[in-house]
PDB file of N, CA and C in Angstrom:
ATOM      1  N   MET A   1     167.341 100.836  85.270  1.00  0.00           N
ATOM      2  CA  MET A   1     167.739 100.043  84.117  1.00  0.00           C
ATOM      3  C   MET A   1     167.868  98.587  84.545  1.00  0.00           C
ATOM      4  N   ALA A   2     167.327  97.695  83.761  1.00  0.00           N
ATOM      5  CA  ALA A   2     167.397  96.256  84.057  1.00  0.00           C
ATOM      6  C   ALA A   2     168.796  95.722  83.773  1.00  0.00           C
ATOM      7  N   THR A   3     169.198  94.736  84.537  1.00  0.00           N
ATOM      8  CA  THR A   3     170.490  94.081  84.308  1.00  0.00           C
ATOM      9  C   THR A   3     170.317  92.714  83.655  1.00  0.00           C
ATOM     10  N   GLU A   4     169.058  92.275  83.456  1.00  0.00           N
ATOM     11  CA  GLU A   4     168.841  90.969  82.864  1.00  0.00           C
ATOM     12  C   GLU A   4     167.526  90.923  82.088  1.00  0.00           C
ATOM     13  N   TYR A   5     167.486  90.003  81.133  1.00  0.00           N
ATOM     14  CA  TYR A   5     166.263  89.699  80.401  1.00  0.00           C
ATOM     15  C   TYR A   5     166.124  88.185  80.456  1.00  0.00           C
ATOM     16  N   ILE A   6     164.974  87.697  80.889  1.00  0.00           N
ATOM     17  CA  ILE A   6     164.813  86.270  81.147  1.00  0.00           C
ATOM     18  C   ILE A   6     163.975  85.624  80.049  1.00  0.00           C
ATOM     19  N   VAL A   7     164.516  84.529  79.496  1.00  0.00           N
ATOM     20  CA  VAL A   7     163.875  83.789  78.414  1.00  0.00           C
ATOM     21  C   VAL A   7     163.823  82.317  78.803  1.00  0.00           C
ATOM     22  N   GLU A   8     162.725  81.659  78.435  1.00  0.00           N
ATOM     23  CA  GLU A   8     162.589  80.225  78.696  1.00  0.00           C
ATOM     24  C   GLU A   8     163.260  79.416  77.592  1.00  0.00           C
ATOM     25  N   ASP A   9     164.036  78.419  77.984  1.00  0.00           N
ATOM     26  CA  ASP A   9     164.678  77.504  77.045  1.00  0.00           C
ATOM     27  C   ASP A   9     163.605  76.672  76.349  1.00  0.00           C
ATOM     28  N   ARG A  10     163.645  76.617  75.033  1.00  0.00           N
ATOM     29  CA  ARG A  10     162.630  75.900  74.259  1.00  0.00           C
ATOM     30  C   ARG A  10     162.642  74.392  74.485  1.00  0.00           C
ATOM     31  N   THR A  11     163.806  73.824  74.749  1.00  0.00           N
ATOM     32  CA  THR A  11     163.903  72.376  74.923  1.00  0.00           C
ATOM     33  C   THR A  11     163.741  71.962  76.371  1.00  0.00           C
ATOM     34  N   THR A  12     164.468  72.597  77.260  1.00  0.00           N
ATOM     35  CA  THR A  12     164.478  72.164  78.661  1.00  0.00           C
ATOM     36  C   THR A  12     163.414  72.837  79.513  1.00  0.00           C
ATOM     37  N   ALA A  13     162.831  73.943  79.029  1.00  0.00           N
ATOM     38  CA  ALA A  13     161.844  74.747  79.758  1.00  0.00           C
ATOM     39  C   ALA A  13     162.438  75.457  80.979  1.00  0.00           C
ATOM     40  N   ALA A  14     163.764  75.404  81.137  1.00  0.00           N
ATOM     41  CA  ALA A  14     164.426  76.148  82.209  1.00  0.00           C
ATOM     42  C   ALA A  14     164.531  77.611  81.793  1.00  0.00           C
ATOM     43  N   ASN A  15     164.469  78.499  82.747  1.00  0.00           N
ATOM     44  CA  ASN A  15     164.605  79.924  82.447  1.00  0.00           C
ATOM     45  C   ASN A  15     166.066  80.341  82.504  1.00  0.00           C
ATOM     46  N   HIS A  16     166.435  81.239  81.577  1.00  0.00           N
ATOM     47  CA  HIS A  16     167.801  81.748  81.514  1.00  0.00           C
ATOM     48  C   HIS A  16     167.793  83.265  81.613  1.00  0.00           C
ATOM     49  N   SER A  17     168.695  83.788  82.416  1.00  0.00           N
ATOM     50  CA  SER A  17     168.893  85.223  82.556  1.00  0.00           C
ATOM     51  C   SER A  17     169.978  85.658  81.573  1.00  0.00           C
ATOM     52  N   ILE A  18     169.603  86.520  80.617  1.00  0.00           N
ATOM     53  CA  ILE A  18     170.567  87.069  79.660  1.00  0.00           C
ATOM     54  C   ILE A  18     171.097  88.363  80.257  1.00  0.00           C
ATOM     55  N   GLN A  19     172.420  88.486  80.352  1.00  0.00           N
ATOM     56  CA  GLN A  19     173.057  89.665  80.936  1.00  0.00           C
ATOM     57  C   GLN A  19     174.250  90.084  80.095  1.00  0.00           C
ATOM     58  N   ILE A  20     174.669  91.327  80.298  1.00  0.00           N
ATOM     59  CA  ILE A  20     175.941  91.811  79.765  1.00  0.00           C
ATOM     60  C   ILE A  20     176.864  91.956  80.969  1.00  0.00           C
ATOM     61  N   ASP A  21     178.008  91.306  80.908  1.00  0.00           N
ATOM     62  CA  ASP A  21     178.966  91.330  82.014  1.00  0.00           C
ATOM     63  C   ASP A  21     180.337  91.692  81.459  1.00  0.00           C
ATOM     64  N   ASP A  22     180.804  92.860  81.814  1.00  0.00           N
ATOM     65  CA  ASP A  22     182.094  93.370  81.349  1.00  0.00           C
ATOM     66  C   ASP A  22     182.164  93.382  79.817  1.00  0.00           C
ATOM     67  N   GLY A  23     181.054  93.791  79.187  1.00  0.00           N
ATOM     68  CA  GLY A  23     181.003  93.940  77.737  1.00  0.00           C
ATOM     69  C   GLY A  23     180.689  92.670  76.967  1.00  0.00           C
ATOM     70  N   GLU A  24     180.496  91.541  77.665  1.00  0.00           N
ATOM     71  CA  GLU A  24     180.210  90.272  76.997  1.00  0.00           C
ATOM     72  C   GLU A  24     178.823  89.784  77.372  1.00  0.00           C
ATOM     73  N   ILE A  25     178.120  89.197  76.385  1.00  0.00           N
ATOM     74  CA  ILE A  25     176.804  88.642  76.667  1.00  0.00           C
ATOM     75  C   ILE A  25     176.969  87.277  77.325  1.00  0.00           C
ATOM     76  N   LYS A  26     176.132  87.041  78.356  1.00  0.00           N
ATOM     77  CA  LYS A  26     176.175  85.774  79.087  1.00  0.00           C
ATOM     78  C   LYS A  26     174.741  85.393  79.432  1.00  0.00           C
ATOM     79  N   TRP A  27     174.498  84.103  79.564  1.00  0.00           N
ATOM     80  CA  TRP A  27     173.185  83.649  79.998  1.00  0.00           C
ATOM     81  C   TRP A  27     173.372  82.489  80.952  1.00  0.00           C
ATOM     82  N   THR A  28     172.609  82.523  82.043  1.00  0.00           N
ATOM     83  CA  THR A  28     172.707  81.512  83.082  1.00  0.00           C
ATOM     84  C   THR A  28     171.303  81.160  83.554  1.00  0.00           C
ATOM     85  N   GLY A  29     171.181  79.990  84.145  1.00  0.00           N
ATOM     86  CA  GLY A  29     169.901  79.548  84.663  1.00  0.00           C
ATOM     87  C   GLY A  29     169.406  80.434  85.798  1.00  0.00           C
ATOM     88  N   THR A  30     168.090  80.551  85.884  1.00  0.00           N
ATOM     89  CA  THR A  30     167.472  81.327  86.954  1.00  0.00           C
ATOM     90  C   THR A  30     166.099  80.746  87.249  1.00  0.00           C
ATOM     91  N   VAL A  31     165.601  80.998  88.443  1.00  0.00           N
ATOM     92  CA  VAL A  31     164.249  80.577  88.797  1.00  0.00           C
ATOM     93  C   VAL A  31     163.246  81.704  88.591  1.00  0.00           C
ATOM     94  N   ASP A  32     163.724  82.888  88.212  1.00  0.00           N
ATOM     95  CA  ASP A  32     162.834  84.025  87.975  1.00  0.00           C
ATOM     96  C   ASP A  32     161.944  83.763  86.756  1.00  0.00           C
ATOM     97  N   ALA A  33     160.791  84.418  86.729  1.00  0.00           N
ATOM     98  CA  ALA A  33     159.821  84.242  85.645  1.00  0.00           C
ATOM     99  C   ALA A  33     160.361  84.784  84.328  1.00  0.00           C
ATOM    100  N   ALA A  34     160.047  84.066  83.251  1.00  0.00           N
ATOM    101  CA  ALA A  34     160.514  84.446  81.914  1.00  0.00           C
ATOM    102  C   ALA A  34     159.578  85.460  81.272  1.00  0.00           C
ATOM    103  N   SER A  35     160.150  86.274  80.399  1.00  0.00           N
ATOM    104  CA  SER A  35     159.395  87.171  79.531  1.00  0.00           C
ATOM    105  C   SER A  35     159.274  86.496  78.172  1.00  0.00           C
ATOM    106  N   SER A  36     158.506  87.079  77.279  1.00  0.00           N
ATOM    107  CA  SER A  36     158.402  86.515  75.934  1.00  0.00           C
ATOM    108  C   SER A  36     159.725  86.685  75.195  1.00  0.00           C
ATOM    109  N   GLU A  37     159.943  85.846  74.189  1.00  0.00           N
ATOM    110  CA  GLU A  37     161.155  85.968  73.379  1.00  0.00           C
ATOM    111  C   GLU A  37     161.092  87.294  72.622  1.00  0.00           C
ATOM    112  N   PRO A  38     162.107  88.151  72.782  1.00  0.00           N
ATOM    113  CA  PRO A  38     162.053  89.468  72.133  1.00  0.00           C
ATOM    114  C   PRO A  38     162.258  89.373  70.624  1.00  0.00           C
ATOM    115  N   ILE A  39     161.690  90.315  69.914  1.00  0.00           N
ATOM    116  CA  ILE A  39     161.771  90.383  68.456  1.00  0.00           C
ATOM    117  C   ILE A  39     162.428  91.697  68.077  1.00  0.00           C
ATOM    118  N   PHE A  40     163.327  91.635  67.081  1.00  0.00           N
ATOM    119  CA  PHE A  40     164.071  92.811  66.654  1.00  0.00           C
ATOM    120  C   PHE A  40     163.980  92.983  65.145  1.00  0.00           C
ATOM    121  N   LEU A  41     163.831  94.206  64.710  1.00  0.00           N
ATOM    122  CA  LEU A  41     163.910  94.536  63.289  1.00  0.00           C
ATOM    123  C   LEU A  41     165.380  94.560  62.899  1.00  0.00           C
ATOM    124  N   ASP A  42     165.732  93.920  61.787  1.00  0.00           N
ATOM    125  CA  ASP A  42     167.115  93.874  61.327  1.00  0.00           C
ATOM    126  C   ASP A  42     167.616  95.290  61.052  1.00  0.00           C
ATOM    127  N   THR A  43     168.717  95.662  61.678  1.00  0.00           N
ATOM    128  CA  THR A  43     169.249  97.022  61.536  1.00  0.00           C
ATOM    129  C   THR A  43     169.918  97.258  60.193  1.00  0.00           C
ATOM    130  N   ILE A  44     170.205  96.191  59.444  1.00  0.00           N
ATOM    131  CA  ILE A  44     170.862  96.329  58.144  1.00  0.00           C
ATOM    132  C   ILE A  44     169.838  96.423  57.018  1.00  0.00           C
ATOM    133  N   ASP A  45     168.952  95.412  56.895  1.00  0.00           N
ATOM    134  CA  ASP A  45     168.012  95.439  55.767  1.00  0.00           C
ATOM    135  C   ASP A  45     166.708  96.169  56.082  1.00  0.00           C
ATOM    136  N   GLY A  46     166.395  96.351  57.352  1.00  0.00           N
ATOM    137  CA  GLY A  46     165.220  97.127  57.739  1.00  0.00           C
ATOM    138  C   GLY A  46     163.877  96.498  57.390  1.00  0.00           C
ATOM    139  N   VAL A  47     163.853  95.225  56.991  1.00  0.00           N
ATOM    140  CA  VAL A  47     162.585  94.577  56.650  1.00  0.00           C
ATOM    141  C   VAL A  47     162.410  93.212  57.326  1.00  0.00           C
ATOM    142  N   THR A  48     163.483  92.582  57.760  1.00  0.00           N
ATOM    143  CA  THR A  48     163.416  91.258  58.366  1.00  0.00           C
ATOM    144  C   THR A  48     163.320  91.400  59.882  1.00  0.00           C
ATOM    145  N   TYR A  49     162.466  90.573  60.475  1.00  0.00           N
ATOM    146  CA  TYR A  49     162.318  90.554  61.931  1.00  0.00           C
ATOM    147  C   TYR A  49     162.911  89.256  62.462  1.00  0.00           C
ATOM    148  N   TRP A  50     163.582  89.357  63.614  1.00  0.00           N
ATOM    149  CA  TRP A  50     164.293  88.232  64.212  1.00  0.00           C
ATOM    150  C   TRP A  50     163.841  88.032  65.649  1.00  0.00           C
ATOM    151  N   LYS A  51     163.596  86.787  66.023  1.00  0.00           N
ATOM    152  CA  LYS A  51     163.218  86.447  67.390  1.00  0.00           C
ATOM    153  C   LYS A  51     164.430  85.850  68.093  1.00  0.00           C
ATOM    154  N   LEU A  52     164.777  86.408  69.240  1.00  0.00           N
ATOM    155  CA  LEU A  52     165.872  85.881  70.057  1.00  0.00           C
ATOM    156  C   LEU A  52     165.333  84.727  70.889  1.00  0.00           C
ATOM    157  N   PHE A  53     166.081  83.630  70.949  1.00  0.00           N
ATOM    158  CA  PHE A  53     165.638  82.470  71.720  1.00  0.00           C
ATOM    159  C   PHE A  53     166.826  81.783  72.370  1.00  0.00           C
ATOM    160  N   ILE A  54     166.499  80.909  73.310  1.00  0.00           N
ATOM    161  CA  ILE A  54     167.481  79.989  73.880  1.00  0.00           C
ATOM    162  C   ILE A  54     166.901  78.591  73.688  1.00  0.00           C
ATOM    163  N   ASP A  55     167.722  77.689  73.138  1.00  0.00           N
ATOM    164  CA  ASP A  55     167.286  76.327  72.883  1.00  0.00           C
ATOM    165  C   ASP A  55     168.390  75.376  73.314  1.00  0.00           C
ATOM    166  N   ASP A  56     168.066  74.519  74.248  1.00  0.00           N
ATOM    167  CA  ASP A  56     169.020  73.549  74.786  1.00  0.00           C
ATOM    168  C   ASP A  56     170.299  74.235  75.274  1.00  0.00           C
ATOM    169  N   GLY A  57     170.122  75.387  75.904  1.00  0.00           N
ATOM    170  CA  GLY A  57     171.243  76.109  76.502  1.00  0.00           C
ATOM    171  C   GLY A  57     172.019  77.004  75.563  1.00  0.00           C
ATOM    172  N   GLU A  58     171.650  77.063  74.277  1.00  0.00           N
ATOM    173  CA  GLU A  58     172.350  77.893  73.297  1.00  0.00           C
ATOM    174  C   GLU A  58     171.464  79.067  72.883  1.00  0.00           C
ATOM    175  N   ILE A  59     172.066  80.227  72.699  1.00  0.00           N
ATOM    176  CA  ILE A  59     171.325  81.424  72.311  1.00  0.00           C
ATOM    177  C   ILE A  59     171.392  81.587  70.794  1.00  0.00           C
ATOM    178  N   GLY A  60     170.323  82.103  70.212  1.00  0.00           N
ATOM    179  CA  GLY A  60     170.293  82.308  68.768  1.00  0.00           C
ATOM    180  C   GLY A  60     169.151  83.213  68.365  1.00  0.00           C
ATOM    181  N   VAL A  61     169.040  83.465  67.070  1.00  0.00           N
ATOM    182  CA  VAL A  61     167.912  84.216  66.525  1.00  0.00           C
ATOM    183  C   VAL A  61     167.372  83.457  65.319  1.00  0.00           C
ATOM    184  N   GLU A  62     166.084  83.654  65.062  1.00  0.00           N
ATOM    185  CA  GLU A  62     165.441  83.059  63.896  1.00  0.00           C
ATOM    186  C   GLU A  62     164.512  84.094  63.288  1.00  0.00           C
ATOM    187  N   SER A  63     164.339  84.027  61.983  1.00  0.00           N
ATOM    188  CA  SER A  63     163.442  84.982  61.338  1.00  0.00           C
ATOM    189  C   SER A  63     162.013  84.691  61.756  1.00  0.00           C
ATOM    190  N   THR A  64     161.197  85.723  61.777  1.00  0.00           N
ATOM    191  CA  THR A  64     159.800  85.601  62.176  1.00  0.00           C
ATOM    192  C   THR A  64     158.953  86.549  61.344  1.00  0.00           C
ATOM    193  N   VAL A  65     157.678  86.215  61.185  1.00  0.00           N
ATOM    194  CA  VAL A  65     156.770  87.091  60.443  1.00  0.00           C
ATOM    195  C   VAL A  65     156.126  88.126  61.360  1.00  0.00           C
ATOM    196  N   THR A  66     156.337  87.986  62.658  1.00  0.00           N
ATOM    197  CA  THR A  66     155.776  88.944  63.610  1.00  0.00           C
ATOM    198  C   THR A  66     156.459  90.299  63.433  1.00  0.00           C
ATOM    199  N   VAL A  67     155.666  91.322  63.180  1.00  0.00           N
ATOM    200  CA  VAL A  67     156.189  92.680  62.994  1.00  0.00           C
ATOM    201  C   VAL A  67     156.215  93.352  64.364  1.00  0.00           C
ATOM    202  N   GLN A  68     157.428  93.455  64.902  1.00  0.00           N
ATOM    203  CA  GLN A  68     157.609  93.993  66.248  1.00  0.00           C
ATOM    204  C   GLN A  68     159.077  94.377  66.388  1.00  0.00           C
ATOM    205  N   ASP A  69     159.359  95.419  67.126  1.00  0.00           N
ATOM    206  CA  ASP A  69     160.751  95.804  67.357  1.00  0.00           C
ATOM    207  C   ASP A  69     160.906  96.133  68.831  1.00  0.00           C
ATOM    208  N   ASP A  70     161.313  95.124  69.608  1.00  0.00           N
ATOM    209  CA  ASP A  70     161.447  95.301  71.050  1.00  0.00           C
ATOM    210  C   ASP A  70     162.716  96.067  71.394  1.00  0.00           C
ATOM    211  N   ASP A  71     162.645  96.802  72.463  1.00  0.00           N
ATOM    212  CA  ASP A  71     163.813  97.509  72.980  1.00  0.00           C
ATOM    213  C   ASP A  71     164.270  96.766  74.228  1.00  0.00           C
ATOM    214  N   VAL A  72     165.370  96.034  74.099  1.00  0.00           N
ATOM    215  CA  VAL A  72     165.946  95.343  75.245  1.00  0.00           C
ATOM    216  C   VAL A  72     167.275  96.025  75.542  1.00  0.00           C
ATOM    217  N   THR A  73     167.260  96.842  76.574  1.00  0.00           N
ATOM    218  CA  THR A  73     168.449  97.567  77.002  1.00  0.00           C
ATOM    219  C   THR A  73     168.848  97.042  78.373  1.00  0.00           C
ATOM    220  N   LEU A  74     170.093  96.630  78.499  1.00  0.00           N
ATOM    221  CA  LEU A  74     170.587  96.036  79.739  1.00  0.00           C
ATOM    222  C   LEU A  74     171.771  96.824  80.283  1.00  0.00           C
ATOM    223  N   GLU A  75     171.802  96.966  81.582  1.00  0.00           N
ATOM    224  CA  GLU A  75     172.956  97.592  82.231  1.00  0.00           C
ATOM    225  C   GLU A  75     173.991  96.519  82.514  1.00  0.00           C
ATOM    226  N   ASP A  76     175.223  96.755  82.066  1.00  0.00           N
ATOM    227  CA  ASP A  76     176.335  95.839  82.311  1.00  0.00           C
ATOM    228  C   ASP A  76     176.495  95.661  83.817  1.00  0.00           C
ATOM    229  N   VAL A  77     176.505  94.410  84.278  1.00  0.00           N
ATOM    230  CA  VAL A  77     176.567  94.150  85.712  1.00  0.00           C
ATOM    231  C   VAL A  77     177.929  94.499  86.318  1.00  0.00           C
ATOM    232  N   THR A  78     178.959  94.655  85.493  1.00  0.00           N
ATOM    233  CA  THR A  78     180.287  95.004  85.996  1.00  0.00           C
ATOM    234  C   THR A  78     180.595  96.486  85.828  1.00  0.00           C
ATOM    235  N   THR A  79     180.323  97.032  84.647  1.00  0.00           N
ATOM    236  CA  THR A  79     180.749  98.403  84.350  1.00  0.00           C
ATOM    237  C   THR A  79     179.637  99.442  84.442  1.00  0.00           C
ATOM    238  N   ALA A  80     178.387  99.023  84.582  1.00  0.00           N
ATOM    239  CA  ALA A  80     177.214  99.903  84.624  1.00  0.00           C
ATOM    240  C   ALA A  80     176.967 100.626  83.297  1.00  0.00           C
ATOM    241  N   THR A  81     177.626 100.203  82.216  1.00  0.00           N
ATOM    242  CA  THR A  81     177.360 100.741  80.881  1.00  0.00           C
ATOM    243  C   THR A  81     176.054 100.137  80.372  1.00  0.00           C
ATOM    244  N   ASN A  82     175.249 100.925  79.677  1.00  0.00           N
ATOM    245  CA  ASN A  82     174.003 100.426  79.116  1.00  0.00           C
ATOM    246  C   ASN A  82     174.220  99.937  77.691  1.00  0.00           C
ATOM    247  N   TYR A  83     173.677  98.755  77.396  1.00  0.00           N
ATOM    248  CA  TYR A  83     173.781  98.152  76.069  1.00  0.00           C
ATOM    249  C   TYR A  83     172.389  97.810  75.549  1.00  0.00           C
ATOM    250  N   ARG A  84     172.180  98.006  74.270  1.00  0.00           N
ATOM    251  CA  ARG A  84     170.924  97.638  73.616  1.00  0.00           C
ATOM    252  C   ARG A  84     171.179  96.414  72.741  1.00  0.00           C
ATOM    253  N   LEU A  85     170.359  95.373  72.916  1.00  0.00           N
ATOM    254  CA  LEU A  85     170.455  94.190  72.066  1.00  0.00           C
ATOM    255  C   LEU A  85     169.847  94.518  70.714  1.00  0.00           C
ATOM    256  N   LYS A  86     170.513  94.072  69.645  1.00  0.00           N
ATOM    257  CA  LYS A  86     170.063  94.320  68.279  1.00  0.00           C
ATOM    258  C   LYS A  86     170.406  93.120  67.406  1.00  0.00           C
ATOM    259  N   VAL A  87     169.799  93.082  66.221  1.00  0.00           N
ATOM    260  CA  VAL A  87     170.147  92.075  65.223  1.00  0.00           C
ATOM    261  C   VAL A  87     170.411  92.808  63.915  1.00  0.00           C
ATOM    262  N   GLY A  88     171.559  92.526  63.300  1.00  0.00           N
ATOM    263  CA  GLY A  88     171.916  93.105  62.011  1.00  0.00           C
ATOM    264  C   GLY A  88     172.423  92.025  61.088  1.00  0.00           C
ATOM    265  N   ASP A  89     171.815  91.924  59.930  1.00  0.00           N
ATOM    266  CA  ASP A  89     172.191  90.907  58.949  1.00  0.00           C
ATOM    267  C   ASP A  89     172.134  89.505  59.552  1.00  0.00           C
ATOM    268  N   GLY A  90     171.139  89.272  60.411  1.00  0.00           N
ATOM    269  CA  GLY A  90     170.945  87.956  61.019  1.00  0.00           C
ATOM    270  C   GLY A  90     171.872  87.628  62.157  1.00  0.00           C
ATOM    271  N   GLU A  91     172.650  88.611  62.652  1.00  0.00           N
ATOM    272  CA  GLU A  91     173.568  88.367  63.760  1.00  0.00           C
ATOM    273  C   GLU A  91     173.180  89.213  64.965  1.00  0.00           C
ATOM    274  N   LEU A  92     173.141  88.554  66.117  1.00  0.00           N
ATOM    275  CA  LEU A  92     172.876  89.241  67.365  1.00  0.00           C
ATOM    276  C   LEU A  92     174.089  90.078  67.750  1.00  0.00           C
ATOM    277  N   TYR A  93     173.856  91.313  68.166  1.00  0.00           N
ATOM    278  CA  TYR A  93     174.939  92.127  68.716  1.00  0.00           C
ATOM    279  C   TYR A  93     174.379  93.037  69.791  1.00  0.00           C
ATOM    280  N   TRP A  94     175.246  93.674  70.531  1.00  0.00           N
ATOM    281  CA  TRP A  94     174.840  94.601  71.576  1.00  0.00           C
ATOM    282  C   TRP A  94     175.683  95.841  71.417  1.00  0.00           C
ATOM    283  N   GLU A  95     175.009  96.976  71.543  1.00  0.00           N
ATOM    284  CA  GLU A  95     175.653  98.249  71.254  1.00  0.00           C
ATOM    285  C   GLU A  95     175.552  99.149  72.477  1.00  0.00           C
ATOM    286  N   SER A  96     176.642  99.790  72.815  1.00  0.00           N
ATOM    287  CA  SER A  96     176.647 100.726  73.921  1.00  0.00           C
ATOM    288  C   SER A  96     175.705 101.875  73.609  1.00  0.00           C
ATOM    289  N   VAL A  97     174.774 102.129  74.492  1.00  0.00           N
ATOM    290  CA  VAL A  97     173.803 103.195  74.280  1.00  0.00           C
ATOM    291  C   VAL A  97     174.489 104.558  74.372  1.00  0.00           C
ATOM    292  N   SER A  98     175.414 104.718  75.313  1.00  0.00           N
ATOM    293  CA  SER A  98     176.070 106.010  75.501  1.00  0.00           C
ATOM    294  C   SER A  98     177.136 106.276  74.444  1.00  0.00           C
ATOM    295  N   ALA A  99     177.958 105.273  74.136  1.00  0.00           N
ATOM    296  CA  ALA A  99     179.041 105.476  73.171  1.00  0.00           C
ATOM    297  C   ALA A  99     178.567 105.277  71.736  1.00  0.00           C
ATOM    298  N   GLY A 100     177.550 104.436  71.537  1.00  0.00           N
ATOM    299  CA  GLY A 100     176.952 104.216  70.223  1.00  0.00           C
ATOM    300  C   GLY A 100     177.903 103.647  69.189  1.00  0.00           C
ATOM    301  N   GLY A 101     178.694 102.652  69.524  1.00  0.00           N
ATOM    302  CA  GLY A 101     179.583 102.121  68.511  1.00  0.00           C
ATOM    303  C   GLY A 101     180.286 100.842  68.889  1.00  0.00           C
ATOM    304  N   PHE A 102     180.180 100.399  70.120  1.00  0.00           N
ATOM    305  CA  PHE A 102     180.815  99.157  70.542  1.00  0.00           C
ATOM    306  C   PHE A 102     179.918  98.017  70.095  1.00  0.00           C
ATOM    307  N   VAL A 103     180.358  97.237  69.088  1.00  0.00           N
ATOM    308  CA  VAL A 103     179.478  96.243  68.484  1.00  0.00           C
ATOM    309  C   VAL A 103     180.157  94.882  68.384  1.00  0.00           C
ATOM    310  N   PRO A 104     180.246  94.133  69.495  1.00  0.00           N
ATOM    311  CA  PRO A 104     180.755  92.768  69.372  1.00  0.00           C
ATOM    312  C   PRO A 104     179.727  91.903  68.672  1.00  0.00           C
ATOM    313  N   ARG A 105     180.171  90.873  67.974  1.00  0.00           N
ATOM    314  CA  ARG A 105     179.274  89.966  67.248  1.00  0.00           C
ATOM    315  C   ARG A 105     179.284  88.593  67.901  1.00  0.00           C
ATOM    316  N   LEU A 106     178.189  87.894  67.790  1.00  0.00           N
ATOM    317  CA  LEU A 106     178.067  86.557  68.326  1.00  0.00           C
ATOM    318  C   LEU A 106     177.625  85.626  67.203  1.00  0.00           C
ATOM    319  N   PRO A 107     178.404  84.596  66.872  1.00  0.00           N
ATOM    320  CA  PRO A 107     177.938  83.630  65.873  1.00  0.00           C
ATOM    321  C   PRO A 107     176.660  82.964  66.367  1.00  0.00           C
ATOM    322  N   LEU A 108     175.748  82.723  65.457  1.00  0.00           N
ATOM    323  CA  LEU A 108     174.439  82.224  65.837  1.00  0.00           C
ATOM    324  C   LEU A 108     174.249  80.773  65.436  1.00  0.00           C
ATOM    325  N   LEU A 109     173.320  80.133  66.126  1.00  0.00           N
ATOM    326  CA  LEU A 109     172.864  78.840  65.678  1.00  0.00           C
ATOM    327  C   LEU A 109     171.475  79.051  65.085  1.00  0.00           C
ATOM    328  N   GLY A 110     171.096  78.270  64.168  1.00  0.00           N
ATOM    329  CA  GLY A 110     169.722  78.254  63.681  1.00  0.00           C
ATOM    330  C   GLY A 110     169.204  79.539  63.099  1.00  0.00           C
ATOM    331  N   VAL A 111     169.915  80.181  62.226  1.00  0.00           N
ATOM    332  CA  VAL A 111     169.384  81.367  61.547  1.00  0.00           C
ATOM    333  C   VAL A 111     168.459  80.905  60.450  1.00  0.00           C
ATOM    334  N   GLY A 112     167.285  81.520  60.370  1.00  0.00           N
ATOM    335  CA  GLY A 112     166.372  81.187  59.291  1.00  0.00           C
ATOM    336  C   GLY A 112     165.153  80.581  59.795  1.00  0.00           C
TER     337      GLY A 112
END
């Protein structure tokens, strides 16, 4: 199980490692190669797709016409719990894969 997902910052072009650490999402700079920005189907309306991005050091999601539903599952670097990144009603959240109900929310920048 991966402990990080790496995305390139849209403004600075620096790569950021997205991780779950003790149940909280965190992102820090890294020199490792970036993957594409993941896309998620909205878990609430089931028709809107959202692209996760980092821009000028801030994490967010924006709607996209690309029809794709990526599975980004990360192992918590502290507790070894597995979490799946999701978007519901335009908000990024992460859900425990084993417990299936721990859903912290993160306010977003740039929805839409």
